[in-house]
Amino acid sequence: MREPTQAEVRRELEGGLPGLRPPRRVVVVGAGLAGLATAYELAGRGCDVTVLEASDRPGGRAYTLRQPFADGMHVEAGAMTVTPHCHYVMHYTRELGVELDTADLLDTEFAYYLRGRFLRPDRESIATSGLPLTEEELHLDVPGMVKRYVTGLADELQPDLGAEEWRCTPRLAPYDQRSVYEVLREHGASPMAIDLMEPMFLEMRGGDLKSASALAWLRHEASPHALTNADPRWSKIKGGTDRLPYAFADRLRDRIHYRKPVVRVRQDAESAEVTFLEHGSPRTITADRVVVTVPFSAIRHIDFGEAALPADKIEVMRTLKYSSIVRVYLQVRKRFWQGDAVSFSTDLPVRWLRDATPHNDGPRKILECLLTGWRARTIAAMTDEERVAFALDQVEQVLPGTREHFELGTSVAWDRQPHVEGSYILPEVGHEKLMPIIRRPEGRVHFAGEHTGFEPNGGSMTFALESAARTVLELDRAS
């Protein structure tokens, strides 16, 4: 069976998937965006589709946190931004009637908090900062550093790097064998300059520049999804990111079965079987095909011993790396700092601090602290109360008065989230050779999710939805 291409998948979906003939019965494992979109397309074409979800809600990492906050405030614990080039998100928001709003990441008042003082990213502030930068870097602002070390390199690798349909050419392949940090250092960036630039690709890399594939990073930074390419058209889901998965779930209704963790998948030449827990007892159902959307970070909880998976798929399932992310939220009774939509990158363990409710009408605010990499793994080992106390101590150094105005706090440690156990994928050095294996169907078992995308990087709702469309086409061709 020939795999559909990126262009074919998008063209078929935008054209309404004409002539699609799905299998008679399909079980989808996981009600994240990939599982929901897969089930939605299959159900609309007469397929008897069952979605088994281990948690009590749809959406997976599209997760809006509404408790324990006051005044109807909410924050995003996972996905939060939609660009005009998120074609699959745009497609489904239109189809499902989900509204968009202006992204919170636009028009922020960004600054650094380094060595106990604030620093702007402009040229004058950099020149007088006393930071250990090269002579050339002392004459650049931070966007100038990005242009010098990132954009300049990406431009040299065009048109291969920015091709509409991703393909790792011989010209690009060497960059998949080196880390982001190595490539930046090779092109003259000082360690301090790398620290200053890192917030520009923090969400993409998850704080692990020394292990992440430079090729995956360059592809992302050259794309319209990069933070450095943000424009006024960037959006968010109005009312919370979870409005999108709940819109899917509303149309699927009783096809989704919550609190039903899958524990086993097996297959033979005639059918596939899925065993799950229901009220503490195992139950097995049979289907023509199974679509597994579970992140590989948590897939070890499912037994595939009789699924006839090849050794290379099993190895990738065991080794694919996910970014470690912890987000801590501090509700304060009012804005006591100067500036609107403030956002700070710091050299403290709490690496990123921002106003997570810049458009809130009431007096209360929620400050968000984001930790990545080893720092996130450290704080993830704490209790929720300890995380909040730790973050409160850190934020007090940046914004004195936080403790005085603090009302309550909570946190989400993605490494500790049941049935997920990680944030978005972290494409490490050598990731390119894994990609075809990750998304390859194995007999009657198919794989979807942001980790199975065509692009060499994750962390995007649109890649999850793209994987669903690809999987639906696979099912059509396999039936």
Protein backbone atom coordinates (compact mmCIF):
# COMPACT_ATOMS: atom_id res chain seq x y z
CA MET A 1 0.00 0.00 0.00
CA ARG A 2 1.49 3.35 -1.08
CA GLU A 3 1.51 6.03 1.59
CA PRO A 4 -0.39 9.20 0.65
CA THR A 5 1.79 12.30 0.36
CA GLN A 6 1.42 15.52 2.35
CA ALA A 7 -0.07 17.28 -0.66
CA GLU A 8 -2.50 14.44 -1.34
CA VAL A 9 -3.73 14.39 2.25
CA ARG A 10 -4.46 18.09 2.30
CA ARG A 11 -6.06 18.07 -1.14
CA GLU A 12 -8.30 15.11 -0.29
CA LEU A 13 -9.47 16.61 3.00
CA GLU A 14 -10.17 20.03 1.53
CA GLY A 15 -12.08 18.31 -1.26
CA GLY A 16 -14.29 16.47 1.23
CA LEU A 17 -12.58 13.06 1.01
CA PRO A 18 -14.62 12.04 -2.04
CA GLY A 19 -15.37 8.36 -2.57
CA LEU A 20 -13.99 7.36 0.81
CA ARG A 21 -14.89 3.77 1.70
CA PRO A 22 -13.89 3.09 5.31
CA PRO A 23 -13.70 -0.34 6.92
CA ARG A 24 -16.90 -1.64 8.48
CA ARG A 25 -15.68 -1.48 12.07
CA VAL A 26 -12.77 0.51 13.56
CA VAL A 27 -11.56 1.01 17.12
CA VAL A 28 -9.69 4.25 17.84
CA VAL A 29 -7.43 4.23 20.88
CA GLY A 30 -7.28 7.72 22.39
CA ALA A 31 -9.58 10.77 22.20
CA GLY A 32 -6.94 13.41 21.57
CA LEU A 33 -7.36 15.56 18.48
CA ALA A 34 -5.97 12.86 16.17
CA GLY A 35 -8.32 10.20 17.51
CA LEU A 36 -11.32 12.53 17.49
CA ALA A 37 -10.76 13.70 13.91
CA THR A 38 -10.21 10.13 12.72
CA ALA A 39 -13.42 8.96 14.35
CA TYR A 40 -15.34 12.01 13.10
CA GLU A 41 -14.43 11.36 9.47
CA LEU A 42 -15.11 7.63 9.71
CA ALA A 43 -18.43 8.02 11.54
CA GLY A 44 -19.64 10.52 8.95
CA ARG A 45 -19.21 7.85 6.29
CA GLY A 46 -21.07 5.05 7.97
CA CYS A 47 -18.23 3.32 9.80
CA ASP A 48 -19.04 1.64 13.12
CA VAL A 49 -16.31 3.43 15.08
CA THR A 50 -15.59 3.14 18.80
CA VAL A 51 -13.24 5.53 20.62
CA LEU A 52 -11.65 4.29 23.84
CA GLU A 53 -10.22 7.03 26.07
CA ALA A 54 -8.39 6.33 29.32
CA SER A 55 -9.14 9.73 30.92
CA ASP A 56 -12.44 11.43 31.66
CA ARG A 57 -12.28 14.09 28.95
CA PRO A 58 -11.51 14.55 25.24
CA GLY A 59 -8.57 16.52 23.86
CA GLY A 60 -5.43 14.96 25.31
CA ARG A 61 -2.82 17.71 25.29
CA ALA A 62 -5.35 20.24 23.99
CA TYR A 63 -6.17 20.91 27.62
CA THR A 64 -7.74 24.05 29.06
CA LEU A 65 -7.48 24.38 32.83
CA ARG A 66 -10.55 26.03 34.37
CA GLN A 67 -10.22 24.95 38.00
CA PRO A 68 -9.48 26.15 40.65
CA PHE A 69 -9.52 29.69 39.28
CA ALA A 70 -12.00 32.43 40.21
CA ASP A 71 -14.13 34.70 38.03
CA GLY A 72 -14.41 32.19 35.18
CA MET A 73 -10.72 32.57 34.31
CA HIS A 74 -8.91 29.79 32.47
CA VAL A 75 -5.42 29.00 31.21
CA GLU A 76 -3.96 26.65 28.63
CA ALA A 77 -2.00 23.71 29.99
CA GLY A 78 -1.14 22.46 26.50
CA ALA A 79 -1.74 23.68 22.95
CA MET A 80 -2.60 27.37 22.76
CA THR A 81 -1.82 29.00 19.39
CA VAL A 82 -3.19 28.73 15.85
CA THR A 83 -1.35 30.29 12.91
CA PRO A 84 -2.97 31.05 9.53
CA HIS A 85 -0.89 28.17 8.19
CA CYS A 86 -2.42 25.62 10.57
CA HIS A 87 -4.55 24.46 7.65
CA TYR A 88 -6.10 21.47 9.40
CA VAL A 89 -7.08 23.44 12.51
CA MET A 90 -8.59 26.11 10.29
CA HIS A 91 -10.49 23.46 8.32
CA TYR A 92 -12.09 21.92 11.40
CA THR A 93 -12.81 25.17 13.24
CA ARG A 94 -14.78 26.27 10.18
CA GLU A 95 -16.54 22.92 9.84
CA LEU A 96 -17.39 22.60 13.53
CA GLY A 97 -18.28 26.25 14.10
CA VAL A 98 -15.47 26.91 16.59
CA GLU A 99 -14.51 30.59 16.84
CA LEU A 100 -11.03 32.07 16.94
CA ASP A 101 -9.66 35.04 18.88
CA THR A 102 -6.41 37.02 18.96
CA ALA A 103 -3.46 34.98 20.24
CA ASP A 104 -2.12 35.82 23.69
CA LEU A 105 1.47 35.65 22.41
CA LEU A 106 0.99 38.74 20.24
CA ASP A 107 1.88 42.23 21.45
CA THR A 108 3.62 41.02 24.59
CA GLU A 109 5.99 43.23 26.54
CA PHE A 110 8.97 40.88 26.43
CA ALA A 111 12.09 41.28 28.54
CA TYR A 112 14.82 39.24 30.21
CA TYR A 113 15.50 38.94 33.92
CA LEU A 114 19.20 38.04 34.14
CA ARG A 115 21.64 38.33 37.01
CA GLY A 116 19.06 40.04 39.17
CA ARG A 117 18.02 42.79 36.76
CA PHE A 118 15.81 43.40 33.74
CA LEU A 119 17.18 43.59 30.21
CA ARG A 120 15.38 44.52 27.02
CA PRO A 121 16.16 42.63 23.77
CA ASP A 122 17.06 45.86 21.93
CA ARG A 123 20.53 46.82 20.72
CA GLU A 124 21.23 49.52 23.30
CA SER A 125 20.35 47.25 26.22
CA ILE A 126 22.49 44.43 24.84
CA ALA A 127 25.46 46.72 24.24
CA THR A 128 25.47 47.94 27.86
CA SER A 129 24.48 44.63 29.48
CA GLY A 130 27.95 43.44 30.43
CA LEU A 131 26.98 39.94 29.28
CA PRO A 132 29.72 37.62 27.92
CA LEU A 133 28.93 38.11 24.23
CA THR A 134 31.25 38.36 21.24
CA GLU A 135 32.17 41.78 19.90
CA GLU A 136 29.80 41.29 16.97
CA GLU A 137 26.94 40.20 19.22
CA LEU A 138 27.31 43.29 21.41
CA HIS A 139 26.29 45.32 18.35
CA LEU A 140 23.16 43.28 17.64
CA ASP A 141 19.72 43.12 19.20
CA VAL A 142 18.27 39.67 19.88
CA PRO A 143 16.27 39.61 16.62
CA GLY A 144 19.56 40.47 14.91
CA MET A 145 21.20 37.45 16.53
CA VAL A 146 18.37 35.26 15.28
CA LYS A 147 18.84 36.69 11.80
CA ARG A 148 22.61 36.16 11.97
CA TYR A 149 22.65 32.61 13.31
CA VAL A 150 19.27 31.11 12.41
CA THR A 151 17.58 32.91 9.53
CA GLY A 152 20.86 33.27 7.65
CA LEU A 153 21.54 29.54 7.84
CA ALA A 154 17.96 28.68 6.90
CA ASP A 155 18.22 30.95 3.86
CA GLU A 156 21.38 29.14 2.76
CA LEU A 157 19.50 25.84 2.79
CA GLN A 158 16.64 27.01 0.60
CA PRO A 159 14.74 25.89 -1.41
CA ASP A 160 15.19 22.42 0.15
CA LEU A 161 14.45 23.50 3.71
CA GLY A 162 11.23 25.36 2.96
CA ALA A 163 9.75 22.98 0.41
CA GLU A 164 5.98 22.68 0.77
CA GLU A 165 6.26 18.90 0.95
CA TRP A 166 8.88 17.76 3.45
CA ARG A 167 11.76 15.69 2.12
CA CYS A 168 15.20 15.27 3.66
CA THR A 169 17.58 15.90 0.77
CA PRO A 170 21.29 14.97 0.81
CA ARG A 171 22.01 18.66 1.34
CA LEU A 172 19.90 18.71 4.53
CA ALA A 173 20.74 15.28 5.95
CA PRO A 174 23.97 16.29 7.78
CA TYR A 175 21.97 18.65 10.01
CA ASP A 176 19.99 15.72 11.40
CA GLN A 177 23.27 14.31 12.75
CA ARG A 178 24.03 17.41 14.82
CA SER A 179 22.23 19.11 17.68
CA VAL A 180 20.80 22.61 17.66
CA TYR A 181 23.47 23.71 20.13
CA GLU A 182 26.31 22.27 18.00
CA VAL A 183 25.13 24.00 14.85
CA LEU A 184 24.68 27.37 16.57
CA ARG A 185 28.16 27.13 18.08
CA GLU A 186 29.65 26.09 14.72
CA HIS A 187 28.18 29.25 13.19
CA GLY A 188 29.77 31.47 15.81
CA ALA A 189 27.06 31.94 18.42
CA SER A 190 28.36 32.36 21.96
CA PRO A 191 26.71 30.39 24.78
CA MET A 192 25.21 33.65 26.07
CA ALA A 193 23.74 34.49 22.66
CA ILE A 194 22.19 31.02 22.53
CA ASP A 195 20.62 31.65 25.94
CA LEU A 196 19.20 34.95 24.68
CA MET A 197 17.80 33.37 21.50
CA GLU A 198 16.41 30.24 23.16
CA PRO A 199 13.07 31.80 24.22
CA MET A 200 12.38 32.41 20.53
CA PHE A 201 12.22 28.63 20.00
CA LEU A 202 11.58 27.49 23.56
CA GLU A 203 8.18 25.90 22.96
CA MET A 204 9.50 24.00 19.96
CA ARG A 205 12.63 22.59 21.57
CA GLY A 206 11.52 21.98 25.12
CA GLY A 207 14.76 23.25 26.62
CA ASP A 208 16.96 20.47 25.19
CA LEU A 209 19.02 22.24 22.53
CA LYS A 210 21.97 19.91 23.12
CA SER A 211 20.02 16.81 22.09
CA ALA A 212 17.46 18.14 19.60
CA SER A 213 17.99 17.59 15.87
CA ALA A 214 19.21 20.74 14.14
CA LEU A 215 17.36 19.67 11.00
CA ALA A 216 13.98 19.47 12.74
CA TRP A 217 14.67 22.82 14.41
CA LEU A 218 15.72 24.53 11.16
CA ARG A 219 12.65 23.23 9.33
CA HIS A 220 10.43 24.68 12.06
CA GLU A 221 12.27 27.99 12.31
CA ALA A 222 12.03 28.47 8.54
CA SER A 223 8.27 27.85 8.63
CA PRO A 224 5.34 30.20 9.29
CA HIS A 225 4.77 28.34 12.60
CA ALA A 226 7.95 29.75 14.19
CA LEU A 227 7.55 32.30 16.98
CA THR A 228 9.98 34.60 15.17
CA ASN A 229 7.53 34.69 12.24
CA ALA A 230 4.47 35.61 14.34
CA ASP A 231 2.12 38.10 12.73
CA PRO A 232 -1.23 39.75 13.65
CA ARG A 233 -3.13 36.80 12.15
CA TRP A 234 -1.99 34.42 14.89
CA SER A 235 -5.00 33.19 16.85
CA LYS A 236 -6.25 31.03 19.69
CA ILE A 237 -9.46 29.07 20.13
CA LYS A 238 -11.99 31.51 21.56
CA GLY A 239 -13.05 30.49 25.05
CA GLY A 240 -10.27 27.93 25.44
CA THR A 241 -8.43 25.40 23.29
CA ASP A 242 -10.63 22.60 24.64
CA ARG A 243 -13.58 24.05 22.68
CA LEU A 244 -12.21 22.26 19.61
CA PRO A 245 -12.01 18.71 21.05
CA TYR A 246 -15.37 19.17 22.76
CA ALA A 247 -16.89 20.19 19.41
CA PHE A 248 -15.65 16.91 17.93
CA ALA A 249 -16.87 15.00 20.98
CA ASP A 250 -20.33 16.56 20.75
CA ARG A 251 -20.74 15.14 17.25
CA LEU A 252 -19.40 11.72 18.21
CA ARG A 253 -21.40 11.51 21.45
CA ASP A 254 -21.89 7.89 22.57
CA ARG A 255 -19.13 6.61 20.27
CA ILE A 256 -16.56 7.85 22.82
CA HIS A 257 -16.10 5.75 25.94
CA TYR A 258 -14.23 7.52 28.75
CA ARG A 259 -12.26 5.91 31.60
CA LYS A 260 -11.64 2.88 29.38
CA PRO A 261 -7.85 2.41 29.32
CA VAL A 262 -6.66 0.03 26.60
CA VAL A 263 -4.30 -2.66 27.90
CA ARG A 264 -3.82 -4.94 24.88
CA VAL A 265 -3.92 -4.90 21.08
CA ARG A 266 -3.62 -8.08 19.03
CA GLN A 267 -4.23 -8.92 15.38
CA ASP A 268 -4.24 -11.76 12.90
CA ALA A 269 -4.96 -12.02 9.19
CA GLU A 270 -8.71 -11.72 9.70
CA SER A 271 -9.28 -9.11 12.40
CA ALA A 272 -7.88 -7.07 15.27
CA GLU A 273 -8.79 -7.19 18.95
CA VAL A 274 -8.60 -4.48 21.60
CA THR A 275 -8.78 -5.26 25.30
CA PHE A 276 -9.63 -2.46 27.73
CA LEU A 277 -10.69 -2.05 31.32
CA GLU A 278 -14.29 -1.33 32.20
CA HIS A 279 -15.15 -0.88 35.88
CA GLY A 280 -12.04 -2.80 36.84
CA SER A 281 -12.65 -5.78 34.55
CA PRO A 282 -11.06 -6.53 31.15
CA ARG A 283 -13.30 -6.49 28.11
CA THR A 284 -12.35 -7.28 24.50
CA ILE A 285 -13.88 -6.03 21.26
CA THR A 286 -13.08 -7.02 17.68
CA ALA A 287 -12.66 -4.71 14.69
CA ASP A 288 -11.45 -4.70 11.12
CA ARG A 289 -8.84 -2.06 11.93
CA VAL A 290 -7.38 -0.32 14.98
CA VAL A 291 -6.04 3.25 15.06
CA VAL A 292 -3.60 3.87 17.93
CA THR A 293 -3.13 7.56 18.80
CA VAL A 294 -1.52 7.09 22.22
CA PRO A 295 1.75 9.06 22.63
CA PHE A 296 4.71 6.70 22.50
CA SER A 297 5.75 8.10 25.90
CA ALA A 298 2.86 6.15 27.46
CA ILE A 299 2.38 3.31 24.98
CA ARG A 300 4.28 0.84 27.15
CA HIS A 301 1.07 0.39 29.15
CA ILE A 302 -0.45 -1.39 26.13
CA ASP A 303 0.63 -4.95 25.36
CA PHE A 304 1.41 -5.52 21.67
CA GLY A 305 2.90 -8.97 22.17
CA GLU A 306 0.41 -10.56 19.75
CA ALA A 307 0.14 -7.62 17.37
CA ALA A 308 3.00 -8.86 15.16
CA LEU A 309 4.81 -5.53 15.23
CA PRO A 310 8.25 -5.55 13.59
CA ALA A 311 11.35 -4.98 15.69
CA ASP A 312 12.04 -1.50 14.34
CA LYS A 313 8.56 -0.26 15.31
CA ILE A 314 8.92 -1.69 18.82
CA GLU A 315 12.32 -0.03 19.19
CA VAL A 316 10.99 3.38 18.13
CA MET A 317 8.00 3.04 20.45
CA ARG A 318 10.44 2.50 23.31
CA THR A 319 12.90 5.28 22.50
CA LEU A 320 11.03 8.26 21.01
CA LYS A 321 11.75 11.27 23.24
CA TYR A 322 9.14 13.73 24.50
CA SER A 323 9.75 17.21 25.89
CA SER A 324 9.47 17.61 29.65
CA ILE A 325 7.19 20.55 30.43
CA VAL A 326 5.82 21.83 33.74
CA ARG A 327 3.45 24.79 33.90
CA VAL A 328 2.69 26.42 37.25
CA TYR A 329 -0.14 28.94 37.64
CA LEU A 330 -0.40 31.58 40.36
CA GLN A 331 -3.68 33.46 40.75
CA VAL A 332 -3.22 36.97 42.17
CA ARG A 333 -5.92 39.36 43.30
CA LYS A 334 -4.88 42.16 40.93
CA ARG A 335 -2.19 43.28 38.51
CA PHE A 336 0.46 44.84 40.73
CA TRP A 337 3.21 45.14 38.11
CA GLN A 338 3.78 47.68 35.36
CA GLY A 339 2.97 46.84 31.77
CA ASP A 340 0.38 44.84 29.88
CA ALA A 341 0.85 41.27 28.61
CA VAL A 342 4.25 40.99 30.28
CA SER A 343 6.51 38.07 29.38
CA PHE A 344 9.93 37.43 30.92
CA SER A 345 12.70 34.97 30.15
CA THR A 346 14.83 34.43 33.24
CA ASP A 347 18.04 32.71 34.34
CA LEU A 348 16.18 31.34 37.36
CA PRO A 349 14.90 27.75 37.49
CA VAL A 350 11.53 29.22 36.47
CA ARG A 351 12.67 29.98 32.93
CA TRP A 352 9.61 31.70 31.50
CA LEU A 353 7.13 33.88 33.35
CA ARG A 354 4.17 35.61 31.76
CA ASP A 355 0.74 37.06 32.32
CA ALA A 356 -1.45 34.14 31.18
CA THR A 357 -4.62 36.25 31.25
CA PRO A 358 -3.65 39.44 29.37
CA HIS A 359 -7.19 40.05 28.12
CA ASN A 360 -9.03 39.28 31.36
CA ASP A 361 -11.61 41.98 32.17
CA GLY A 362 -11.63 41.59 35.94
CA PRO A 363 -8.98 42.67 38.44
CA ARG A 364 -7.59 39.19 39.04
CA LYS A 365 -4.70 37.79 37.02
CA ILE A 366 -2.98 34.45 36.56
CA LEU A 367 0.80 34.34 36.25
CA GLU A 368 2.19 31.34 34.42
CA CYS A 369 5.64 29.83 35.00
CA LEU A 370 6.95 27.41 32.39
CA LEU A 371 9.85 25.07 33.02
CA THR A 372 11.43 22.74 30.49
CA GLY A 373 14.06 20.01 30.25
CA TRP A 374 15.88 18.91 33.41
CA ARG A 375 14.34 21.76 35.42
CA ALA A 376 10.87 20.48 34.55
CA ARG A 377 11.85 16.94 35.50
CA THR A 378 13.10 18.24 38.84
CA ILE A 379 9.96 20.15 39.76
CA ALA A 380 7.75 17.36 38.39
CA ALA A 381 9.05 15.17 41.23
CA MET A 382 7.50 17.59 43.75
CA THR A 383 3.89 17.58 44.95
CA ASP A 384 1.55 20.16 43.46
CA GLU A 385 1.74 22.22 46.66
CA GLU A 386 5.55 22.11 46.58
CA ARG A 387 5.60 23.22 42.93
CA VAL A 388 3.40 26.20 43.69
CA ALA A 389 5.53 27.19 46.71
CA PHE A 390 8.72 26.81 44.68
CA ALA A 391 7.36 28.94 41.82
CA LEU A 392 6.07 31.56 44.23
CA ASP A 393 9.56 31.98 45.72
CA GLN A 394 11.05 32.34 42.24
CA VAL A 395 8.46 34.80 40.92
CA GLU A 396 8.79 36.98 44.01
CA GLN A 397 12.37 37.71 42.90
CA VAL A 398 11.18 38.94 39.50
CA LEU A 399 7.93 40.60 40.56
CA PRO A 400 8.15 41.70 44.22
CA GLY A 401 4.69 41.69 45.73
CA THR A 402 3.65 38.36 44.21
CA ARG A 403 3.44 36.68 47.60
CA GLU A 404 1.41 39.56 49.06
CA HIS A 405 -1.17 39.36 46.24
CA PHE A 406 -1.15 35.57 45.82
CA GLU A 407 -4.50 33.79 46.26
CA LEU A 408 -4.10 30.23 44.96
CA GLY A 409 -2.07 28.11 42.60
CA THR A 410 -1.94 24.85 40.69
CA SER A 411 0.31 23.10 38.17
CA VAL A 412 0.47 20.59 35.34
CA ALA A 413 3.54 18.35 35.03
CA TRP A 414 3.19 16.62 31.68
CA ASP A 415 5.70 13.88 32.50
CA ARG A 416 3.37 12.87 35.36
CA GLN A 417 0.07 13.19 33.49
CA PRO A 418 -1.59 9.76 33.41
CA HIS A 419 -1.90 8.18 29.95
CA VAL A 420 0.32 10.92 28.41
CA GLU A 421 3.61 11.04 30.35
CA GLY A 422 5.25 13.74 28.27
CA SER A 423 4.55 16.86 26.30
CA TYR A 424 5.09 17.09 22.51
CA ILE A 425 7.78 15.03 20.78
CA LEU A 426 11.39 16.15 21.02
CA PRO A 427 13.03 15.14 17.72
CA GLU A 428 16.53 14.21 18.81
CA VAL A 429 19.61 13.83 16.62
CA GLY A 430 18.87 11.14 14.02
CA HIS A 431 15.10 11.66 14.15
CA GLU A 432 14.68 11.74 10.38
CA LYS A 433 15.26 8.01 9.91
CA LEU A 434 12.62 7.22 12.55
CA MET A 435 9.76 9.16 10.96
CA PRO A 436 8.64 6.63 8.31
CA ILE A 437 8.75 3.87 10.93
CA ILE A 438 6.70 5.88 13.45
CA ARG A 439 3.76 6.48 11.10
CA ARG A 440 3.91 3.20 9.14
CA PRO A 441 0.79 1.01 9.53
CA GLU A 442 1.46 -2.51 10.75
CA GLY A 443 -1.08 -4.92 9.30
CA ARG A 444 -4.45 -3.95 10.72
CA VAL A 445 -2.96 -1.50 13.23
CA HIS A 446 -2.56 2.14 12.18
CA PHE A 447 -0.85 5.01 14.01
CA ALA A 448 -1.89 8.66 14.30
CA GLY A 449 -1.01 11.61 16.56
CA GLU A 450 1.33 14.60 16.39
CA HIS A 451 4.32 12.26 16.73
CA THR A 452 3.35 10.52 13.46
CA GLY A 453 3.25 13.66 11.31
CA PHE A 454 4.98 14.26 8.00
CA GLU A 455 6.92 17.15 9.52
CA PRO A 456 10.07 16.45 11.58
CA ASN A 457 8.72 18.28 14.64
CA GLY A 458 5.66 18.13 16.83
CA GLY A 459 3.89 20.32 19.33
CA SER A 460 1.16 21.37 16.93
CA MET A 461 -2.57 20.70 16.81
CA THR A 462 -2.50 20.90 13.03
CA PHE A 463 0.05 18.08 12.75
CA ALA A 464 -2.18 15.87 14.91
CA LEU A 465 -5.16 16.62 12.69
CA GLU A 466 -3.10 16.06 9.54
CA SER A 467 -2.14 12.63 10.87
CA ALA A 468 -5.83 11.82 11.27
CA ALA A 469 -6.58 12.70 7.65
CA ARG A 470 -3.61 10.61 6.50
CA THR A 471 -4.80 7.66 8.57
CA VAL A 472 -8.34 7.90 7.16
CA LEU A 473 -6.89 7.69 3.65
CA GLU A 474 -4.77 4.70 4.71
CA LEU A 475 -7.89 2.95 5.99
CA ASP A 476 -9.68 3.61 2.73
CA ARG A 477 -6.82 2.17 0.68
CA ALA A 478 -6.46 -0.83 2.99
CA SER A 479 -10.14 -1.78 3.04
